[in-house]
Amino acid sequence: MTATVTPSRAHKAGSGENRGTGGARKRFPRIPDRIRQGGLPYLLLLPAVVLELLVHLIPMIIGIWVSFRQLTQFFIRNWGNAPSAGFDNYKVAIDFDAPIGQALLHSFLVTCAFTVISVGLSWLFGVTAAIMLQENFRGRSILRTIFLVPYALPVYAAVITWAFMFQHDNGIINHVLHDQLGLTDKASFWLIGDNSFIALVVVSLWKSWPFAFLMLMAALQNIPRELYEAASIDGAGIWQQIRKITLPSLRPVNQVLVLVLFLWTFNDFNTPYVLFGKSAPEAADLISIHIYQSSFVTWNFGSGSAMSVLLLLFLLLVTAVYLLVTSRGRKGSDV
């Protein structure tokens, strides 16, 4: 007897055969699966992007808009209707023959000197401490912890403590230098006059060099010890090892570290504000405090915004030139 196969059974048999031989129909992923596979990383980044827009980008755009307006105390209630100023705020800021331009130029030069000294000493102290603490000795862990304390303390608490220490009558700085050691003829004023610049550098150095120490100490862990052992066998001393092995190996970290310290120090507002208040002495008139005074003390928000935009352009220019120079130096060393 010949067996007959109905069309429905043939269809089922054919589909079953296709499944068995690998010819099954391709199963398309559902939309949630696609989102989970491709869009989940972007979904997780969305809150950070929104906060970045709210905290940085949108205020930056508003600040640029305000720099082209005559926004003074007369338009605070209805600041959207402030008259247009064009480029007048920028012209006044860079007119170095006028009092406002001269004050801004002085503040810029003070900030440059403060940044160079603070960043240079921070890197020097950081690399020195990092190299010294690479060797095993008793108490190394305790010293590492002590060195990182200034970086862990809140900025306001640390600077307020330094402000008390720099007091003229009952500060510990004058007590040690004048009363105990006799290094000065009389108690010095550290928070006013020319000494205010020294006080500002000391506080900035105290709270910034532990960051350099932490980064450089971590970078030194990646240098193979065999290099130092081979150099020691070849007769290289400690200074030759530092100059030929340590510093070249730290070059990539130093390039990023110096840039970060420069940007942090040049934009530092908390330290001078807590140390001196709303009105910093002329010797310690950093540009961040100067812009604050131009905006919130004299109530000329248009002029202060223009100074802020000029500061932003300067930092972008310095960053671009620095990255260009360091990238070319890196390529030249690789060749």
Foldseek 3Di string as FASTA:
>chain_A
DDDDDDPVRVVVVVQVVCVVVVNHDDDDDDPVVCCVVPVPVVVVCVVVVVVCCVPPVVVLVVLVVLLQFQFFPVCPVPRVPTHGNHCPLVVVCCPCVDPNVVLLVLQAVLLVVLLVLLLVLLLVVQLVLLVVLPDDDPCSVVVLVVLCVLQPDDLLVLLLLLLQLQDQPDHVVQCCCPVPVNVDPHGDRCQEDQNVSVSLSVSSNSNRSSVSNVLLNVLVVPQDPVVVVVCVVVPDDPVRCCVPPVVVSCLVVVLVSSLVSSVCSLQDDSNQCSNHNLDGYSSNNHSNSVLCCCCPVRRRSNSSSSSVVVVVVVSVVVVVVSVVVSVVVVVVVVD
